[in-house]
PDB file of N, CA and C in Angstrom:
ATOM      1  N   MET A   1       4.723  -7.785   3.132  1.00  0.00           N
ATOM      2  CA  MET A   1       4.354  -6.565   3.855  1.00  0.00           C
ATOM      3  C   MET A   1       3.414  -5.812   3.133  1.00  0.00           C
ATOM      4  N   THR A   2       3.556  -6.120   1.517  1.00  0.00           N
ATOM      5  CA  THR A   2       2.548  -5.335   0.579  1.00  0.00           C
ATOM      6  C   THR A   2       0.928  -5.715   0.972  1.00  0.00           C
ATOM      7  N   GLN A   3       1.099  -6.902   1.166  1.00  0.00           N
ATOM      8  CA  GLN A   3      -0.480  -7.728   1.085  1.00  0.00           C
ATOM      9  C   GLN A   3      -0.841  -7.138   2.695  1.00  0.00           C
ATOM     10  N   GLU A   4      -0.290  -6.832   3.460  1.00  0.00           N
ATOM     11  CA  GLU A   4      -0.695  -6.560   4.675  1.00  0.00           C
ATOM     12  C   GLU A   4      -1.246  -5.118   4.856  1.00  0.00           C
ATOM     13  N   LEU A   5      -0.527  -4.454   3.995  1.00  0.00           N
ATOM     14  CA  LEU A   5      -0.729  -2.963   3.572  1.00  0.00           C
ATOM     15  C   LEU A   5      -2.320  -2.608   2.799  1.00  0.00           C
ATOM     16  N   TYR A   6      -2.220  -3.575   2.065  1.00  0.00           N
ATOM     17  CA  TYR A   6      -3.477  -3.942   1.160  1.00  0.00           C
ATOM     18  C   TYR A   6      -4.763  -4.205   2.069  1.00  0.00           C
ATOM     19  N   LYS A   7      -4.290  -5.221   2.915  1.00  0.00           N
ATOM     20  CA  LYS A   7      -5.728  -5.497   3.788  1.00  0.00           C
ATOM     21  C   LYS A   7      -5.941  -4.231   4.861  1.00  0.00           C
ATOM     22  N   GLN A   8      -4.710  -3.628   5.283  1.00  0.00           N
ATOM     23  CA  GLN A   8      -5.344  -2.601   6.187  1.00  0.00           C
ATOM     24  C   GLN A   8      -5.968  -1.665   5.422  1.00  0.00           C
ATOM     25  N   LYS A   9      -5.629  -1.205   4.092  1.00  0.00           N
ATOM     26  CA  LYS A   9      -6.246   0.037   3.346  1.00  0.00           C
ATOM     27  C   LYS A   9      -8.141  -0.748   3.410  1.00  0.00           C
ATOM     28  N   LYS A  10      -8.148  -2.159   2.652  1.00  0.00           N
ATOM     29  CA  LYS A  10      -9.525  -2.117   2.826  1.00  0.00           C
ATOM     30  C   LYS A  10     -10.274  -2.418   4.197  1.00  0.00           C
ATOM     31  N   SER A  11      -9.682  -2.554   5.125  1.00  0.00           N
ATOM     32  CA  SER A  11     -10.343  -2.575   6.370  1.00  0.00           C
ATOM     33  C   SER A  11     -10.460  -1.033   6.733  1.00  0.00           C
ATOM     34  N   LEU A  12      -9.880  -0.034   6.420  1.00  0.00           N
ATOM     35  CA  LEU A  12     -10.146   1.297   6.741  1.00  0.00           C
ATOM     36  C   LEU A  12     -11.169   1.918   5.976  1.00  0.00           C
ATOM     37  N   GLU A  13     -11.091   1.129   4.681  1.00  0.00           N
ATOM     38  CA  GLU A  13     -12.326   1.460   3.803  1.00  0.00           C
ATOM     39  C   GLU A  13     -13.740   1.155   4.308  1.00  0.00           C
ATOM     40  N   LEU A  14     -13.631  -0.169   4.705  1.00  0.00           N
ATOM     41  CA  LEU A  14     -15.032  -0.746   5.195  1.00  0.00           C
ATOM     42  C   LEU A  14     -15.502   0.190   6.370  1.00  0.00           C
ATOM     43  N   SER A  15     -14.367   0.402   7.576  1.00  0.00           N
ATOM     44  CA  SER A  15     -14.628   1.383   8.382  1.00  0.00           C
ATOM     45  C   SER A  15     -15.207   2.422   8.065  1.00  0.00           C
ATOM     46  N   TRP A  16     -14.882   3.478   6.922  1.00  0.00           N
ATOM     47  CA  TRP A  16     -15.262   4.498   6.220  1.00  0.00           C
ATOM     48  C   TRP A  16     -16.606   4.293   5.911  1.00  0.00           C
ATOM     49  N   GLU A  17     -17.036   3.046   5.309  1.00  0.00           N
ATOM     50  CA  GLU A  17     -18.397   3.072   4.647  1.00  0.00           C
ATOM     51  C   GLU A  17     -19.523   2.781   5.687  1.00  0.00           C
ATOM     52  N   GLN A  18     -18.677   2.050   6.630  1.00  0.00           N
ATOM     53  CA  GLN A  18     -19.747   1.828   8.025  1.00  0.00           C
ATOM     54  C   GLN A  18     -19.995   2.967   8.399  1.00  0.00           C
ATOM     55  N   GLU A  19     -19.009   3.736   8.960  1.00  0.00           N
ATOM     56  CA  GLU A  19     -19.405   5.386   9.248  1.00  0.00           C
ATOM     57  C   GLU A  19     -20.334   5.965   8.311  1.00  0.00           C
ATOM     58  N   TYR A  20     -20.319   5.686   7.324  1.00  0.00           N
ATOM     59  CA  TYR A  20     -21.215   6.568   6.355  1.00  0.00           C
ATOM     60  C   TYR A  20     -22.386   6.307   6.534  1.00  0.00           C
ATOM     61  N   ASN A  21     -22.659   4.810   6.578  1.00  0.00           N
ATOM     62  CA  ASN A  21     -23.990   4.126   6.570  1.00  0.00           C
ATOM     63  C   ASN A  21     -24.541   4.254   7.804  1.00  0.00           C
ATOM     64  N   ALA A  22     -24.062   4.493   8.897  1.00  0.00           N
ATOM     65  CA  ALA A  22     -24.556   4.502  10.077  1.00  0.00           C
ATOM     66  C   ALA A  22     -25.025   6.211  10.267  1.00  0.00           C
ATOM     67  N   SER A  23     -24.108   7.181   9.964  1.00  0.00           N
ATOM     68  CA  SER A  23     -24.570   8.545  10.014  1.00  0.00           C
ATOM     69  C   SER A  23     -25.234   9.206   8.834  1.00  0.00           C
ATOM     70  N   GLY A  24     -25.177   8.801   7.871  1.00  0.00           N
ATOM     71  CA  GLY A  24     -25.688   9.108   6.518  1.00  0.00           C
ATOM     72  C   GLY A  24     -24.974  10.438   5.887  1.00  0.00           C
ATOM     73  N   ARG A  25     -23.855  10.556   6.495  1.00  0.00           N
ATOM     74  CA  ARG A  25     -23.569  11.935   5.942  1.00  0.00           C
ATOM     75  C   ARG A  25     -21.906  12.043   6.340  1.00  0.00           C
ATOM     76  N   TYR A  26     -20.654  12.859   6.034  1.00  0.00           N
ATOM     77  CA  TYR A  26     -19.394  12.972   5.880  1.00  0.00           C
ATOM     78  C   TYR A  26     -19.328  13.223   7.258  1.00  0.00           C
ATOM     79  N   THR A  27     -18.429  12.624   8.298  1.00  0.00           N
ATOM     80  CA  THR A  27     -18.296  13.175   9.575  1.00  0.00           C
ATOM     81  C   THR A  27     -16.791  13.443  10.034  1.00  0.00           C
ATOM     82  N   ILE A  28     -16.744  14.019  11.091  1.00  0.00           N
ATOM     83  CA  ILE A  28     -15.269  14.103  11.246  1.00  0.00           C
ATOM     84  C   ILE A  28     -14.079  12.703  11.593  1.00  0.00           C
ATOM     85  N   ASN A  29     -15.097  11.598  12.029  1.00  0.00           N
ATOM     86  CA  ASN A  29     -14.338  10.454  12.393  1.00  0.00           C
ATOM     87  C   ASN A  29     -14.275   9.895  10.706  1.00  0.00           C
ATOM     88  N   MET A  30     -14.645  10.287   9.836  1.00  0.00           N
ATOM     89  CA  MET A  30     -14.523   9.771   8.439  1.00  0.00           C
ATOM     90  C   MET A  30     -13.360  10.735   7.552  1.00  0.00           C
ATOM     91  N   VAL A  31     -13.183  11.895   7.974  1.00  0.00           N
ATOM     92  CA  VAL A  31     -11.933  12.822   7.904  1.00  0.00           C
ATOM     93  C   VAL A  31     -10.720  11.745   8.382  1.00  0.00           C
ATOM     94  N   GLU A  32     -10.790  11.495   9.684  1.00  0.00           N
ATOM     95  CA  GLU A  32      -9.543  10.900  10.248  1.00  0.00           C
ATOM     96  C   GLU A  32      -9.100   9.363   9.277  1.00  0.00           C
ATOM     97  N   ILE A  33     -10.254   8.726   9.168  1.00  0.00           N
ATOM     98  CA  ILE A  33     -10.286   7.616   8.364  1.00  0.00           C
ATOM     99  C   ILE A  33      -9.740   7.695   6.685  1.00  0.00           C
ATOM    100  N   ASP A  34      -9.735   8.928   6.081  1.00  0.00           N
ATOM    101  CA  ASP A  34      -9.561   8.999   4.858  1.00  0.00           C
ATOM    102  C   ASP A  34      -7.969   9.190   5.118  1.00  0.00           C
ATOM    103  N   GLU A  35      -7.640  10.056   5.939  1.00  0.00           N
ATOM    104  CA  GLU A  35      -5.789  10.533   6.276  1.00  0.00           C
ATOM    105  C   GLU A  35      -5.406   9.028   6.535  1.00  0.00           C
ATOM    106  N   LYS A  36      -5.935   8.357   7.118  1.00  0.00           N
ATOM    107  CA  LYS A  36      -5.260   6.981   7.599  1.00  0.00           C
ATOM    108  C   LYS A  36      -5.357   6.372   6.111  1.00  0.00           C
ATOM    109  N   ILE A  37      -6.236   6.387   5.413  1.00  0.00           N
ATOM    110  CA  ILE A  37      -6.360   5.928   4.333  1.00  0.00           C
ATOM    111  C   ILE A  37      -5.100   6.103   3.104  1.00  0.00           C
ATOM    112  N   LYS A  38      -5.044   7.337   3.242  1.00  0.00           N
ATOM    113  CA  LYS A  38      -3.883   8.306   2.158  1.00  0.00           C
ATOM    114  C   LYS A  38      -2.653   7.835   2.944  1.00  0.00           C
ATOM    115  N   SER A  39      -2.611   7.674   4.136  1.00  0.00           N
ATOM    116  CA  SER A  39      -1.087   7.210   4.699  1.00  0.00           C
ATOM    117  C   SER A  39      -0.936   5.813   4.013  1.00  0.00           C
ATOM    118  N   THR A  40      -1.907   5.346   4.418  1.00  0.00           N
ATOM    119  CA  THR A  40      -1.536   3.870   4.039  1.00  0.00           C
ATOM    120  C   THR A  40      -1.369   3.625   2.624  1.00  0.00           C
ATOM    121  N   ILE A  41      -1.784   4.355   1.550  1.00  0.00           N
ATOM    122  CA  ILE A  41      -1.901   4.215   0.260  1.00  0.00           C
ATOM    123  C   ILE A  41      -0.399   4.742  -0.164  1.00  0.00           C
ATOM    124  N   THR A  42       0.055   5.750   0.557  1.00  0.00           N
ATOM    125  CA  THR A  42       1.580   6.132   0.356  1.00  0.00           C
ATOM    126  C   THR A  42       2.567   5.056   0.754  1.00  0.00           C
ATOM    127  N   GLN A  43       2.197   4.227   2.031  1.00  0.00           N
ATOM    128  CA  GLN A  43       2.939   2.959   2.231  1.00  0.00           C
ATOM    129  C   GLN A  43       2.984   2.221   1.408  1.00  0.00           C
ATOM    130  N   ILE A  44       1.967   1.787   0.791  1.00  0.00           N
ATOM    131  CA  ILE A  44       1.726   0.571  -0.162  1.00  0.00           C
ATOM    132  C   ILE A  44       2.722   1.471  -1.529  1.00  0.00           C
ATOM    133  N   LYS A  45       2.418   2.353  -1.866  1.00  0.00           N
ATOM    134  CA  LYS A  45       3.613   2.859  -2.908  1.00  0.00           C
ATOM    135  C   LYS A  45       5.123   2.755  -2.820  1.00  0.00           C
ATOM    136  N   LEU A  46       5.253   3.058  -1.316  1.00  0.00           N
ATOM    137  CA  LEU A  46       6.475   3.166  -0.867  1.00  0.00           C
ATOM    138  C   LEU A  46       7.487   1.435  -1.117  1.00  0.00           C
ATOM    139  N   ALA A  47       6.144   0.899  -0.267  1.00  0.00           N
ATOM    140  CA  ALA A  47       7.096  -0.545  -0.241  1.00  0.00           C
ATOM    141  C   ALA A  47       6.860  -1.510  -1.637  1.00  0.00           C
ATOM    142  N   GLU A  48       6.131  -1.021  -2.386  1.00  0.00           N
ATOM    143  CA  GLU A  48       5.895  -1.460  -4.065  1.00  0.00           C
ATOM    144  C   GLU A  48       7.219  -0.892  -4.736  1.00  0.00           C
ATOM    145  N   THR A  49       7.626   0.123  -4.786  1.00  0.00           N
ATOM    146  CA  THR A  49       8.697   0.966  -5.176  1.00  0.00           C
ATOM    147  C   THR A  49      10.128   0.122  -4.639  1.00  0.00           C
ATOM    148  N   GLN A  50      10.174  -0.187  -3.398  1.00  0.00           N
ATOM    149  CA  GLN A  50      11.164  -0.698  -2.664  1.00  0.00           C
ATOM    150  C   GLN A  50      11.550  -2.067  -3.257  1.00  0.00           C
ATOM    151  N   GLU A  51      10.466  -2.974  -3.415  1.00  0.00           N
ATOM    152  CA  GLU A  51      10.204  -4.078  -4.182  1.00  0.00           C
ATOM    153  C   GLU A  51      10.811  -4.203  -5.496  1.00  0.00           C
ATOM    154  N   ALA A  52      10.343  -3.286  -6.210  1.00  0.00           N
ATOM    155  CA  ALA A  52      10.575  -3.343  -7.506  1.00  0.00           C
ATOM    156  C   ALA A  52      12.255  -3.222  -7.950  1.00  0.00           C
ATOM    157  N   ASP A  53      12.620  -1.925  -6.796  1.00  0.00           N
ATOM    158  CA  ASP A  53      13.921  -1.730  -6.969  1.00  0.00           C
ATOM    159  C   ASP A  53      14.930  -2.813  -6.885  1.00  0.00           C
ATOM    160  N   LEU A  54      14.442  -3.642  -5.584  1.00  0.00           N
ATOM    161  CA  LEU A  54      15.182  -5.004  -5.324  1.00  0.00           C
ATOM    162  C   LEU A  54      15.078  -5.864  -6.525  1.00  0.00           C
ATOM    163  N   ARG A  55      13.943  -6.003  -7.265  1.00  0.00           N
ATOM    164  CA  ARG A  55      13.885  -6.876  -8.271  1.00  0.00           C
ATOM    165  C   ARG A  55      14.729  -6.854  -9.457  1.00  0.00           C
ATOM    166  N   ASN A  56      14.622  -5.053  -9.677  1.00  0.00           N
ATOM    167  CA  ASN A  56      15.687  -4.414 -10.569  1.00  0.00           C
ATOM    168  C   ASN A  56      17.331  -4.947 -10.140  1.00  0.00           C
ATOM    169  N   LYS A  57      17.547  -4.474  -9.292  1.00  0.00           N
ATOM    170  CA  LYS A  57      18.886  -4.937  -8.871  1.00  0.00           C
ATOM    171  C   LYS A  57      19.079  -6.422  -9.013  1.00  0.00           C
ATOM    172  N   ILE A  58      18.234  -7.314  -8.575  1.00  0.00           N
ATOM    173  CA  ILE A  58      18.570  -8.542  -8.772  1.00  0.00           C
ATOM    174  C   ILE A  58      18.852  -9.086 -10.166  1.00  0.00           C
ATOM    175  N   GLU A  59      18.129  -8.482 -10.948  1.00  0.00           N
ATOM    176  CA  GLU A  59      18.084  -8.708 -12.453  1.00  0.00           C
ATOM    177  C   GLU A  59      19.445  -8.150 -13.136  1.00  0.00           C
ATOM    178  N   ASP A  60      19.737  -6.996 -12.700  1.00  0.00           N
ATOM    179  CA  ASP A  60      20.974  -6.318 -13.026  1.00  0.00           C
ATOM    180  C   ASP A  60      21.929  -7.043 -12.788  1.00  0.00           C
ATOM    181  N   ALA A  61      22.189  -7.588 -11.730  1.00  0.00           N
ATOM    182  CA  ALA A  61      23.233  -8.717 -11.307  1.00  0.00           C
ATOM    183  C   ALA A  61      23.263  -9.836 -12.072  1.00  0.00           C
ATOM    184  N   LYS A  62      22.192 -10.528 -12.120  1.00  0.00           N
ATOM    185  CA  LYS A  62      22.253 -11.497 -13.050  1.00  0.00           C
ATOM    186  C   LYS A  62      22.933 -11.156 -14.376  1.00  0.00           C
ATOM    187  N   ALA A  63      22.438  -9.911 -14.885  1.00  0.00           N
ATOM    188  CA  ALA A  63      22.857  -9.919 -16.380  1.00  0.00           C
ATOM    189  C   ALA A  63      24.464  -9.512 -15.931  1.00  0.00           C
ATOM    190  N   GLN A  64      24.937  -9.584 -15.068  1.00  0.00           N
ATOM    191  CA  GLN A  64      26.557  -9.043 -15.133  1.00  0.00           C
ATOM    192  C   GLN A  64      27.543 -10.295 -14.832  1.00  0.00           C
ATOM    193  N   VAL A  65      26.908 -11.421 -14.211  1.00  0.00           N
ATOM    194  CA  VAL A  65      27.367 -12.580 -14.047  1.00  0.00           C
ATOM    195  C   VAL A  65      27.734 -13.355 -15.431  1.00  0.00           C
ATOM    196  N   SER A  66      28.794 -13.545 -16.013  1.00  0.00           N
ATOM    197  CA  SER A  66      29.026 -14.577 -16.801  1.00  0.00           C
ATOM    198  C   SER A  66      29.600 -15.658 -16.581  1.00  0.00           C
ATOM    199  N   VAL A  67      29.306 -16.649 -17.435  1.00  0.00           N
ATOM    200  CA  VAL A  67      30.016 -17.964 -17.204  1.00  0.00           C
ATOM    201  C   VAL A  67      30.990 -18.312 -18.160  1.00  0.00           C
ATOM    202  N   ALA A  68      32.255 -18.458 -17.880  1.00  0.00           N
ATOM    203  CA  ALA A  68      33.417 -18.747 -19.077  1.00  0.00           C
ATOM    204  C   ALA A  68      33.106 -20.188 -19.313  1.00  0.00           C
ATOM    205  N   THR A  69      33.273 -20.579 -20.491  1.00  0.00           N
ATOM    206  CA  THR A  69      33.273 -21.926 -21.009  1.00  0.00           C
ATOM    207  C   THR A  69      34.161 -22.491 -21.576  1.00  0.00           C
TER     208      THR A  69
END
């Protein structure tokens, strides 16, 4: 999921750059693209936090398992 969000962010950044190259100035459409980029960054941070939390839970669970010999 995180990789898809990174691809989406890169695509939005490319759209922003193309818009700037086409008009030569900051446009209303670029403001909308900026908002989408910010939203995507927030989603990336959330997804990465959830993945890290899951990894931590797995590591903690491993530490609690003991093998009696």
